[in-house]
All heavy atoms as atom14 arrays in JSON, in Angstrom:
{
  "sequence": "DGGRHRISRRAPGAVEAPAWALFDMAFATTARLVVAPLQDLMHLDDQA",
  "atom14_mask": [
    [1, 1, 1, 1, 1, 1, 1, 1, 0, 0, 0, 0, 0, 0],
    [1, 1, 1, 1, 0, 0, 0, 0, 0, 0, 0, 0, 0, 0],
    [1, 1, 1, 1, 0, 0, 0, 0, 0, 0, 0, 0, 0, 0],
    [1, 1, 1, 1, 1, 1, 1, 1, 1, 1, 1, 0, 0, 0],
    [1, 1, 1, 1, 1, 1, 1, 1, 1, 1, 0, 0, 0, 0],
    [1, 1, 1, 1, 1, 1, 1, 1, 1, 1, 1, 0, 0, 0],
    [1, 1, 1, 1, 1, 1, 1, 1, 0, 0, 0, 0, 0, 0],
    [1, 1, 1, 1, 1, 1, 0, 0, 0, 0, 0, 0, 0, 0],
    [1, 1, 1, 1, 1, 1, 1, 1, 1, 1, 1, 0, 0, 0],
    [1, 1, 1, 1, 1, 1, 1, 1, 1, 1, 1, 0, 0, 0],
    [1, 1, 1, 1, 1, 0, 0, 0, 0, 0, 0, 0, 0, 0],
    [1, 1, 1, 1, 1, 1, 1, 0, 0, 0, 0, 0, 0, 0],
    [1, 1, 1, 1, 0, 0, 0, 0, 0, 0, 0, 0, 0, 0],
    [1, 1, 1, 1, 1, 0, 0, 0, 0, 0, 0, 0, 0, 0],
    [1, 1, 1, 1, 1, 1, 1, 0, 0, 0, 0, 0, 0, 0],
    [1, 1, 1, 1, 1, 1, 1, 1, 1, 0, 0, 0, 0, 0],
    [1, 1, 1, 1, 1, 0, 0, 0, 0, 0, 0, 0, 0, 0],
    [1, 1, 1, 1, 1, 1, 1, 0, 0, 0, 0, 0, 0, 0],
    [1, 1, 1, 1, 1, 0, 0, 0, 0, 0, 0, 0, 0, 0],
    [1, 1, 1, 1, 1, 1, 1, 1, 1, 1, 1, 1, 1, 1],
    [1, 1, 1, 1, 1, 0, 0, 0, 0, 0, 0, 0, 0, 0],
    [1, 1, 1, 1, 1, 1, 1, 1, 0, 0, 0, 0, 0, 0],
    [1, 1, 1, 1, 1, 1, 1, 1, 1, 1, 1, 0, 0, 0],
    [1, 1, 1, 1, 1, 1, 1, 1, 0, 0, 0, 0, 0, 0],
    [1, 1, 1, 1, 1, 1, 1, 1, 0, 0, 0, 0, 0, 0],
    [1, 1, 1, 1, 1, 0, 0, 0, 0, 0, 0, 0, 0, 0],
    [1, 1, 1, 1, 1, 1, 1, 1, 1, 1, 1, 0, 0, 0],
    [1, 1, 1, 1, 1, 0, 0, 0, 0, 0, 0, 0, 0, 0],
    [1, 1, 1, 1, 1, 1, 1, 0, 0, 0, 0, 0, 0, 0],
    [1, 1, 1, 1, 1, 1, 1, 0, 0, 0, 0, 0, 0, 0],
    [1, 1, 1, 1, 1, 0, 0, 0, 0, 0, 0, 0, 0, 0],
    [1, 1, 1, 1, 1, 1, 1, 1, 1, 1, 1, 0, 0, 0],
    [1, 1, 1, 1, 1, 1, 1, 1, 0, 0, 0, 0, 0, 0],
    [1, 1, 1, 1, 1, 1, 1, 0, 0, 0, 0, 0, 0, 0],
    [1, 1, 1, 1, 1, 1, 1, 0, 0, 0, 0, 0, 0, 0],
    [1, 1, 1, 1, 1, 0, 0, 0, 0, 0, 0, 0, 0, 0],
    [1, 1, 1, 1, 1, 1, 1, 0, 0, 0, 0, 0, 0, 0],
    [1, 1, 1, 1, 1, 1, 1, 1, 0, 0, 0, 0, 0, 0],
    [1, 1, 1, 1, 1, 1, 1, 1, 1, 0, 0, 0, 0, 0],
    [1, 1, 1, 1, 1, 1, 1, 1, 0, 0, 0, 0, 0, 0],
    [1, 1, 1, 1, 1, 1, 1, 1, 0, 0, 0, 0, 0, 0],
    [1, 1, 1, 1, 1, 1, 1, 1, 0, 0, 0, 0, 0, 0],
    [1, 1, 1, 1, 1, 1, 1, 1, 1, 1, 0, 0, 0, 0],
    [1, 1, 1, 1, 1, 1, 1, 1, 0, 0, 0, 0, 0, 0],
    [1, 1, 1, 1, 1, 1, 1, 1, 0, 0, 0, 0, 0, 0],
    [1, 1, 1, 1, 1, 1, 1, 1, 0, 0, 0, 0, 0, 0],
    [1, 1, 1, 1, 1, 1, 1, 1, 1, 0, 0, 0, 0, 0],
    [1, 1, 1, 1, 1, 0, 0, 0, 0, 0, 0, 0, 0, 0]
  ],
  "atom14_positions": [
    [[-24.61, 31.13, 14.27], [-25.93, 31.65, 14.59], [-25.81, 32.89, 15.58], [-26.56, 33.85, 15.44], [-26.82, 30.58, 15.12], [-27.26, 29.59, 14.16], [-27.14, 29.87, 12.92], [-27.69, 28.48, 14.51], [0.0, 0.0, 0.0], [0.0, 0.0, 0.0], [0.0, 0.0, 0.0], [0.0, 0.0, 0.0], [0.0, 0.0, 0.0], [0.0, 0.0, 0.0]],
    [[-24.87, 32.71, 16.49], [-24.76, 33.83, 17.5], [-24.29, 35.14, 16.79], [-24.88, 36.15, 17.12], [0.0, 0.0, 0.0], [0.0, 0.0, 0.0], [0.0, 0.0, 0.0], [0.0, 0.0, 0.0], [0.0, 0.0, 0.0], [0.0, 0.0, 0.0], [0.0, 0.0, 0.0], [0.0, 0.0, 0.0], [0.0, 0.0, 0.0], [0.0, 0.0, 0.0]],
    [[-23.35, 35.04, 15.92], [-22.9, 36.19, 15.2], [-24.05, 36.77, 14.29], [-24.19, 38.04, 14.28], [0.0, 0.0, 0.0], [0.0, 0.0, 0.0], [0.0, 0.0, 0.0], [0.0, 0.0, 0.0], [0.0, 0.0, 0.0], [0.0, 0.0, 0.0], [0.0, 0.0, 0.0], [0.0, 0.0, 0.0], [0.0, 0.0, 0.0], [0.0, 0.0, 0.0]],
    [[-24.76, 35.99, 13.6], [-25.85, 36.47, 12.83], [-26.95, 37.18, 13.65], [-27.48, 38.18, 13.35], [-26.52, 35.28, 12.0], [-25.61, 34.79, 10.95], [-26.39, 33.82, 10.02], [-25.57, 33.32, 8.99], [-26.06, 32.59, 7.94], [-27.33, 32.42, 7.87], [-25.22, 32.09, 7.02], [0.0, 0.0, 0.0], [0.0, 0.0, 0.0], [0.0, 0.0, 0.0]],
    [[-27.19, 36.57, 14.85], [-28.19, 37.14, 15.72], [-27.74, 38.53, 16.23], [-28.55, 39.48, 16.28], [-28.46, 36.25, 16.95], [-29.41, 36.84, 17.98], [-30.73, 36.98, 17.71], [-29.12, 37.3, 19.21], [-31.27, 37.51, 18.81], [-30.31, 37.71, 19.73], [0.0, 0.0, 0.0], [0.0, 0.0, 0.0], [0.0, 0.0, 0.0], [0.0, 0.0, 0.0]],
    [[-26.49, 38.71, 16.52], [-25.95, 39.9, 17.1], [-26.08, 41.03, 16.03], [-26.24, 42.21, 16.33], [-24.56, 39.83, 17.54], [-24.42, 39.06, 18.81], [-22.98, 39.07, 19.37], [-22.14, 38.18, 18.71], [-21.92, 36.82, 19.03], [-22.64, 36.37, 20.09], [-21.1, 36.05, 18.38], [0.0, 0.0, 0.0], [0.0, 0.0, 0.0], [0.0, 0.0, 0.0]],
    [[-25.98, 40.7, 14.76], [-26.11, 41.62, 13.67], [-27.6, 41.89, 13.45], [-28.02, 43.06, 13.24], [-25.38, 41.14, 12.45], [-23.91, 41.08, 12.64], [-25.69, 42.05, 11.23], [-23.07, 40.24, 11.62], [0.0, 0.0, 0.0], [0.0, 0.0, 0.0], [0.0, 0.0, 0.0], [0.0, 0.0, 0.0], [0.0, 0.0, 0.0], [0.0, 0.0, 0.0]],
    [[-28.39, 40.86, 13.37], [-29.78, 40.95, 12.96], [-30.56, 41.87, 13.96], [-31.45, 42.63, 13.59], [-30.47, 39.6, 12.94], [-29.88, 38.82, 11.91], [0.0, 0.0, 0.0], [0.0, 0.0, 0.0], [0.0, 0.0, 0.0], [0.0, 0.0, 0.0], [0.0, 0.0, 0.0], [0.0, 0.0, 0.0], [0.0, 0.0, 0.0], [0.0, 0.0, 0.0]],
    [[-30.21, 41.78, 15.23], [-30.96, 42.55, 16.25], [-30.66, 44.1, 16.07], [-31.35, 44.96, 16.68], [-30.66, 42.09, 17.61], [-29.28, 42.37, 18.16], [-29.09, 41.69, 19.47], [-27.74, 41.96, 20.09], [-27.3, 41.34, 21.07], [-27.93, 40.37, 21.69], [-26.07, 41.7, 21.57], [0.0, 0.0, 0.0], [0.0, 0.0, 0.0], [0.0, 0.0, 0.0]],
    [[-29.64, 44.45, 15.35], [-29.28, 45.82, 15.12], [-29.96, 46.3, 13.82], [-30.06, 47.56, 13.54], [-27.82, 46.03, 14.94], [-26.97, 45.78, 16.2], [-25.47, 45.72, 15.9], [-24.7, 45.51, 17.11], [-24.09, 46.48, 17.73], [-24.17, 47.76, 17.25], [-23.37, 46.28, 18.8], [0.0, 0.0, 0.0], [0.0, 0.0, 0.0], [0.0, 0.0, 0.0]],
    [[-30.45, 45.45, 12.99], [-31.04, 45.8, 11.71], [-32.51, 46.09, 11.91], [-33.16, 45.46, 12.75], [-30.82, 44.73, 10.68], [0.0, 0.0, 0.0], [0.0, 0.0, 0.0], [0.0, 0.0, 0.0], [0.0, 0.0, 0.0], [0.0, 0.0, 0.0], [0.0, 0.0, 0.0], [0.0, 0.0, 0.0], [0.0, 0.0, 0.0], [0.0, 0.0, 0.0]],
    [[-33.12, 47.04, 11.1], [-34.53, 47.33, 11.24], [-35.44, 46.18, 10.75], [-36.56, 46.22, 11.06], [-34.67, 48.58, 10.34], [-33.5, 48.48, 9.33], [-32.45, 47.79, 10.08], [0.0, 0.0, 0.0], [0.0, 0.0, 0.0], [0.0, 0.0, 0.0], [0.0, 0.0, 0.0], [0.0, 0.0, 0.0], [0.0, 0.0, 0.0], [0.0, 0.0, 0.0]],
    [[-34.92, 45.26, 9.99], [-35.75, 44.15, 9.5], [-34.92, 42.94, 9.25], [-33.74, 42.87, 9.69], [0.0, 0.0, 0.0], [0.0, 0.0, 0.0], [0.0, 0.0, 0.0], [0.0, 0.0, 0.0], [0.0, 0.0, 0.0], [0.0, 0.0, 0.0], [0.0, 0.0, 0.0], [0.0, 0.0, 0.0], [0.0, 0.0, 0.0], [0.0, 0.0, 0.0]],
    [[-35.43, 41.99, 8.49], [-34.65, 40.8, 8.2], [-33.39, 41.16, 7.44], [-33.42, 42.02, 6.5], [-35.5, 39.78, 7.38], [0.0, 0.0, 0.0], [0.0, 0.0, 0.0], [0.0, 0.0, 0.0], [0.0, 0.0, 0.0], [0.0, 0.0, 0.0], [0.0, 0.0, 0.0], [0.0, 0.0, 0.0], [0.0, 0.0, 0.0], [0.0, 0.0, 0.0]],
    [[-32.25, 40.52, 7.69], [-31.03, 40.76, 6.96], [-30.98, 39.91, 5.7], [-30.71, 38.74, 5.78], [-29.81, 40.5, 7.87], [-28.48, 40.7, 7.12], [-29.8, 41.41, 9.1], [0.0, 0.0, 0.0], [0.0, 0.0, 0.0], [0.0, 0.0, 0.0], [0.0, 0.0, 0.0], [0.0, 0.0, 0.0], [0.0, 0.0, 0.0], [0.0, 0.0, 0.0]],
    [[-31.32, 40.55, 4.6], [-31.28, 39.84, 3.29], [-29.92, 40.11, 2.58], [-29.52, 39.31, 1.76], [-32.49, 40.15, 2.49], [-33.8, 39.76, 3.15], [-35.01, 40.22, 2.31], [-34.83, 40.82, 1.3], [-36.11, 39.82, 2.71], [0.0, 0.0, 0.0], [0.0, 0.0, 0.0], [0.0, 0.0, 0.0], [0.0, 0.0, 0.0], [0.0, 0.0, 0.0]],
    [[-29.42, 41.3, 2.77], [-28.18, 41.71, 2.18], [-27.22, 42.21, 3.23], [-27.24, 43.41, 3.63], [-28.36, 42.79, 1.11], [0.0, 0.0, 0.0], [0.0, 0.0, 0.0], [0.0, 0.0, 0.0], [0.0, 0.0, 0.0], [0.0, 0.0, 0.0], [0.0, 0.0, 0.0], [0.0, 0.0, 0.0], [0.0, 0.0, 0.0], [0.0, 0.0, 0.0]],
    [[-26.46, 41.3, 3.85], [-25.69, 41.69, 5.08], [-24.76, 42.85, 4.9], [-24.62, 43.63, 5.84], [-24.94, 40.35, 5.39], [-24.97, 39.54, 4.16], [-26.18, 39.91, 3.52], [0.0, 0.0, 0.0], [0.0, 0.0, 0.0], [0.0, 0.0, 0.0], [0.0, 0.0, 0.0], [0.0, 0.0, 0.0], [0.0, 0.0, 0.0], [0.0, 0.0, 0.0]],
    [[-24.19, 42.97, 3.73], [-23.21, 44.16, 3.51], [-24.0, 45.49, 3.7], [-23.52, 46.41, 4.28], [-22.61, 44.08, 2.17], [0.0, 0.0, 0.0], [0.0, 0.0, 0.0], [0.0, 0.0, 0.0], [0.0, 0.0, 0.0], [0.0, 0.0, 0.0], [0.0, 0.0, 0.0], [0.0, 0.0, 0.0], [0.0, 0.0, 0.0], [0.0, 0.0, 0.0]],
    [[-25.27, 45.53, 3.15], [-26.05, 46.73, 3.27], [-26.46, 47.03, 4.68], [-26.58, 48.2, 5.1], [-27.24, 46.74, 2.28], [-26.71, 46.75, 0.91], [-26.17, 45.78, 0.12], [-26.63, 47.96, 0.06], [-25.81, 46.3, -1.11], [-26.04, 47.59, -1.16], [-27.05, 49.33, 0.32], [-25.87, 48.57, -2.15], [-26.8, 50.25, -0.72], [-26.24, 49.85, -1.93]],
    [[-26.6, 46.01, 5.49], [-26.89, 46.23, 6.9], [-25.65, 46.87, 7.58], [-25.8, 47.77, 8.4], [-27.22, 44.95, 7.61], [0.0, 0.0, 0.0], [0.0, 0.0, 0.0], [0.0, 0.0, 0.0], [0.0, 0.0, 0.0], [0.0, 0.0, 0.0], [0.0, 0.0, 0.0], [0.0, 0.0, 0.0], [0.0, 0.0, 0.0], [0.0, 0.0, 0.0]],
    [[-24.46, 46.38, 7.2], [-23.26, 46.94, 7.76], [-23.0, 48.33, 7.26], [-22.46, 49.2, 7.98], [-22.01, 46.03, 7.45], [-22.0, 44.63, 8.01], [-20.65, 44.04, 7.75], [-22.42, 44.59, 9.45], [0.0, 0.0, 0.0], [0.0, 0.0, 0.0], [0.0, 0.0, 0.0], [0.0, 0.0, 0.0], [0.0, 0.0, 0.0], [0.0, 0.0, 0.0]],
    [[-23.4, 48.66, 5.99], [-23.25, 50.01, 5.5], [-23.94, 51.01, 6.37], [-23.41, 52.07, 6.73], [-23.84, 50.17, 4.02], [-23.1, 49.44, 3.0], [-23.75, 49.13, 1.8], [-21.8, 48.89, 3.2], [-23.09, 48.46, 0.79], [-21.19, 48.23, 2.16], [-21.85, 48.0, 0.95], [0.0, 0.0, 0.0], [0.0, 0.0, 0.0], [0.0, 0.0, 0.0]],
    [[-25.13, 50.74, 6.73], [-25.94, 51.7, 7.55], [-25.24, 51.81, 8.92], [-25.21, 52.97, 9.48], [-27.38, 51.18, 7.76], [-28.25, 51.47, 6.53], [-27.86, 52.44, 5.77], [-29.22, 50.77, 6.34], [0.0, 0.0, 0.0], [0.0, 0.0, 0.0], [0.0, 0.0, 0.0], [0.0, 0.0, 0.0], [0.0, 0.0, 0.0], [0.0, 0.0, 0.0]],
    [[-24.69, 50.74, 9.46], [-23.96, 50.88, 10.77], [-22.78, 51.81, 10.56], [-22.44, 52.65, 11.43], [-23.55, 49.55, 11.29], [-24.71, 48.57, 11.61], [-24.04, 46.99, 12.15], [-25.47, 45.93, 11.86], [0.0, 0.0, 0.0], [0.0, 0.0, 0.0], [0.0, 0.0, 0.0], [0.0, 0.0, 0.0], [0.0, 0.0, 0.0], [0.0, 0.0, 0.0]],
    [[-22.07, 51.62, 9.51], [-20.84, 52.39, 9.24], [-21.2, 53.92, 8.98], [-20.51, 54.78, 9.57], [-20.12, 51.83, 8.03], [0.0, 0.0, 0.0], [0.0, 0.0, 0.0], [0.0, 0.0, 0.0], [0.0, 0.0, 0.0], [0.0, 0.0, 0.0], [0.0, 0.0, 0.0], [0.0, 0.0, 0.0], [0.0, 0.0, 0.0], [0.0, 0.0, 0.0]],
    [[-22.28, 54.1, 8.18], [-22.62, 55.5, 7.88], [-22.97, 56.24, 9.14], [-22.79, 57.46, 9.21], [-23.83, 55.45, 6.93], [-23.59, 54.96, 5.52], [-24.56, 54.43, 4.71], [-22.26, 55.04, 5.0], [-24.28, 53.97, 3.47], [-21.99, 54.68, 3.71], [-23.02, 54.09, 2.91], [0.0, 0.0, 0.0], [0.0, 0.0, 0.0], [0.0, 0.0, 0.0]],
    [[-23.61, 55.53, 10.11], [-24.06, 56.22, 11.34], [-22.91, 56.59, 12.29], [-23.16, 57.37, 13.22], [-25.06, 55.31, 12.04], [0.0, 0.0, 0.0], [0.0, 0.0, 0.0], [0.0, 0.0, 0.0], [0.0, 0.0, 0.0], [0.0, 0.0, 0.0], [0.0, 0.0, 0.0], [0.0, 0.0, 0.0], [0.0, 0.0, 0.0], [0.0, 0.0, 0.0]],
    [[-21.7, 56.07, 12.03], [-20.6, 56.4, 12.97], [-20.17, 57.83, 12.77], [-20.49, 58.46, 11.68], [-19.41, 55.48, 12.77], [-18.87, 55.69, 11.46], [-19.84, 54.0, 12.88], [0.0, 0.0, 0.0], [0.0, 0.0, 0.0], [0.0, 0.0, 0.0], [0.0, 0.0, 0.0], [0.0, 0.0, 0.0], [0.0, 0.0, 0.0], [0.0, 0.0, 0.0]],
    [[-19.29, 58.32, 13.61], [-18.72, 59.62, 13.45], [-17.49, 59.68, 12.51], [-16.98, 60.75, 12.27], [-18.32, 60.2, 14.84], [-17.44, 59.24, 15.43], [-19.54, 60.42, 15.68], [0.0, 0.0, 0.0], [0.0, 0.0, 0.0], [0.0, 0.0, 0.0], [0.0, 0.0, 0.0], [0.0, 0.0, 0.0], [0.0, 0.0, 0.0], [0.0, 0.0, 0.0]],
    [[-17.11, 58.51, 11.99], [-15.97, 58.46, 11.07], [-16.15, 59.37, 9.89], [-17.25, 59.35, 9.31], [-15.66, 57.03, 10.69], [0.0, 0.0, 0.0], [0.0, 0.0, 0.0], [0.0, 0.0, 0.0], [0.0, 0.0, 0.0], [0.0, 0.0, 0.0], [0.0, 0.0, 0.0], [0.0, 0.0, 0.0], [0.0, 0.0, 0.0], [0.0, 0.0, 0.0]],
    [[-15.13, 59.97, 9.44], [-15.16, 60.82, 8.28], [-15.45, 59.98, 7.0], [-16.15, 60.42, 6.11], [-13.87, 61.59, 8.11], [-13.76, 62.8, 9.07], [-12.53, 63.62, 8.74], [-12.63, 64.89, 9.34], [-11.76, 65.91, 9.1], [-10.82, 65.73, 8.26], [-11.92, 67.07, 9.7], [0.0, 0.0, 0.0], [0.0, 0.0, 0.0], [0.0, 0.0, 0.0]],
    [[-14.8, 58.85, 6.88], [-14.86, 58.12, 5.69], [-15.34, 56.71, 5.89], [-14.8, 55.99, 6.83], [-13.43, 58.1, 5.04], [-13.22, 57.32, 3.74], [-14.12, 57.8, 2.65], [-11.74, 57.4, 3.29], [0.0, 0.0, 0.0], [0.0, 0.0, 0.0], [0.0, 0.0, 0.0], [0.0, 0.0, 0.0], [0.0, 0.0, 0.0], [0.0, 0.0, 0.0]],
    [[-16.2, 56.26, 5.05], [-16.69, 54.86, 5.05], [-16.33, 54.25, 3.65], [-16.64, 54.94, 2.63], [-18.22, 54.71, 5.24], [-18.68, 53.3, 4.97], [-18.57, 55.16, 6.71], [0.0, 0.0, 0.0], [0.0, 0.0, 0.0], [0.0, 0.0, 0.0], [0.0, 0.0, 0.0], [0.0, 0.0, 0.0], [0.0, 0.0, 0.0], [0.0, 0.0, 0.0]],
    [[-15.66, 53.14, 3.64], [-15.25, 52.56, 2.4], [-15.76, 51.08, 2.36], [-15.71, 50.33, 3.31], [-13.65, 52.49, 2.2], [-13.25, 51.73, 0.96], [-13.16, 53.9, 2.16], [0.0, 0.0, 0.0], [0.0, 0.0, 0.0], [0.0, 0.0, 0.0], [0.0, 0.0, 0.0], [0.0, 0.0, 0.0], [0.0, 0.0, 0.0], [0.0, 0.0, 0.0]],
    [[-16.28, 50.72, 1.17], [-16.68, 49.34, 0.94], [-16.07, 48.7, -0.31], [-15.99, 49.43, -1.31], [-18.22, 49.34, 0.85], [0.0, 0.0, 0.0], [0.0, 0.0, 0.0], [0.0, 0.0, 0.0], [0.0, 0.0, 0.0], [0.0, 0.0, 0.0], [0.0, 0.0, 0.0], [0.0, 0.0, 0.0], [0.0, 0.0, 0.0], [0.0, 0.0, 0.0]],
    [[-15.6, 47.53, -0.23], [-15.23, 46.83, -1.49], [-16.4, 46.77, -2.43], [-17.56, 46.53, -2.01], [-14.79, 45.4, -0.99], [-14.54, 45.57, 0.46], [-15.46, 46.66, 0.94], [0.0, 0.0, 0.0], [0.0, 0.0, 0.0], [0.0, 0.0, 0.0], [0.0, 0.0, 0.0], [0.0, 0.0, 0.0], [0.0, 0.0, 0.0], [0.0, 0.0, 0.0]],
    [[-16.18, 46.9, -3.69], [-17.25, 46.84, -4.69], [-17.97, 45.56, -4.57], [-19.22, 45.48, -4.79], [-16.7, 46.98, -6.12], [-17.78, 47.0, -7.18], [-18.7, 48.21, -7.08], [-17.17, 46.97, -8.54], [0.0, 0.0, 0.0], [0.0, 0.0, 0.0], [0.0, 0.0, 0.0], [0.0, 0.0, 0.0], [0.0, 0.0, 0.0], [0.0, 0.0, 0.0]],
    [[-17.31, 44.46, -4.28], [-17.96, 43.12, -4.2], [-19.15, 43.18, -3.2], [-20.11, 42.5, -3.34], [-16.99, 42.09, -3.78], [-15.98, 41.75, -4.83], [-14.68, 42.57, -4.68], [-14.73, 43.77, -4.36], [-13.55, 41.92, -4.88], [0.0, 0.0, 0.0], [0.0, 0.0, 0.0], [0.0, 0.0, 0.0], [0.0, 0.0, 0.0], [0.0, 0.0, 0.0]],
    [[-18.98, 44.06, -2.12], [-19.99, 44.07, -1.14], [-21.2, 44.91, -1.6], [-22.37, 44.59, -1.35], [-19.46, 44.76, 0.13], [-18.71, 43.73, 1.0], [-18.57, 42.59, 0.61], [-18.1, 44.22, 2.06], [0.0, 0.0, 0.0], [0.0, 0.0, 0.0], [0.0, 0.0, 0.0], [0.0, 0.0, 0.0], [0.0, 0.0, 0.0], [0.0, 0.0, 0.0]],
    [[-20.93, 45.98, -2.41], [-22.02, 46.7, -2.99], [-22.85, 45.77, -3.88], [-24.11, 45.94, -4.0], [-21.54, 47.93, -3.83], [-21.29, 49.23, -3.07], [-20.21, 49.15, -2.08], [-21.06, 50.39, -4.08], [0.0, 0.0, 0.0], [0.0, 0.0, 0.0], [0.0, 0.0, 0.0], [0.0, 0.0, 0.0], [0.0, 0.0, 0.0], [0.0, 0.0, 0.0]],
    [[-22.15, 44.88, -4.61], [-22.77, 44.04, -5.58], [-23.42, 42.78, -5.02], [-23.93, 41.88, -5.74], [-21.8, 43.65, -6.7], [-21.15, 44.87, -7.42], [-22.32, 45.83, -8.43], [-22.68, 44.63, -9.71], [0.0, 0.0, 0.0], [0.0, 0.0, 0.0], [0.0, 0.0, 0.0], [0.0, 0.0, 0.0], [0.0, 0.0, 0.0], [0.0, 0.0, 0.0]],
    [[-23.28, 42.61, -3.68], [-23.85, 41.4, -2.95], [-23.22, 40.13, -3.57], [-24.02, 39.21, -3.84], [-25.38, 41.42, -3.09], [-26.11, 40.47, -2.19], [-25.97, 40.48, -0.84], [-26.91, 39.45, -2.44], [-26.64, 39.49, -0.28], [-27.3, 38.9, -1.3], [0.0, 0.0, 0.0], [0.0, 0.0, 0.0], [0.0, 0.0, 0.0], [0.0, 0.0, 0.0]],
    [[-21.92, 40.06, -3.71], [-21.26, 38.89, -4.27], [-20.67, 38.04, -3.15], [-20.23, 38.49, -2.12], [-20.13, 39.41, -5.17], [-20.55, 40.24, -6.38], [-19.34, 40.68, -7.22], [-21.61, 39.48, -7.26], [0.0, 0.0, 0.0], [0.0, 0.0, 0.0], [0.0, 0.0, 0.0], [0.0, 0.0, 0.0], [0.0, 0.0, 0.0], [0.0, 0.0, 0.0]],
    [[-20.63, 36.74, -3.42], [-20.05, 35.83, -2.44], [-18.56, 35.66, -2.66], [-17.92, 36.42, -3.37], [-20.8, 34.44, -2.5], [-20.65, 33.76, -3.87], [-19.69, 34.08, -4.59], [-21.46, 32.83, -4.1], [0.0, 0.0, 0.0], [0.0, 0.0, 0.0], [0.0, 0.0, 0.0], [0.0, 0.0, 0.0], [0.0, 0.0, 0.0], [0.0, 0.0, 0.0]],
    [[-17.99, 34.65, -1.98], [-16.52, 34.54, -2.01], [-15.93, 34.07, -3.38], [-14.64, 33.99, -3.49], [-16.09, 33.58, -0.84], [-15.83, 34.3, 0.44], [-15.9, 35.56, 0.44], [-15.55, 33.65, 1.45], [0.0, 0.0, 0.0], [0.0, 0.0, 0.0], [0.0, 0.0, 0.0], [0.0, 0.0, 0.0], [0.0, 0.0, 0.0], [0.0, 0.0, 0.0]],
    [[-16.76, 33.8, -4.26], [-16.16, 33.48, -5.61], [-15.58, 34.81, -6.19], [-14.68, 34.78, -7.07], [-17.26, 33.04, -6.61], [-17.74, 31.62, -6.27], [-18.65, 31.12, -7.3], [-18.73, 31.6, -8.46], [-19.36, 30.07, -6.97], [0.0, 0.0, 0.0], [0.0, 0.0, 0.0], [0.0, 0.0, 0.0], [0.0, 0.0, 0.0], [0.0, 0.0, 0.0]],
    [[-15.97, 35.97, -5.59], [-15.44, 37.26, -5.98], [-14.41, 37.81, -4.96], [-14.0, 38.95, -5.12], [-16.53, 38.28, -6.12], [0.0, 0.0, 0.0], [0.0, 0.0, 0.0], [0.0, 0.0, 0.0], [0.0, 0.0, 0.0], [0.0, 0.0, 0.0], [0.0, 0.0, 0.0], [0.0, 0.0, 0.0], [0.0, 0.0, 0.0], [0.0, 0.0, 0.0]]
  ]
}
């Protein structure tokens, strides 16, 4: 719960797709390149 709370308070609304919440955090950094596994784009669980 603590980890979820620390992420949720950074998101503009309820975290329904956690990878997409992390995408926005990554995009906002100064890093030149942001990479995501396709499974995260597709909102897949650990079966993938």
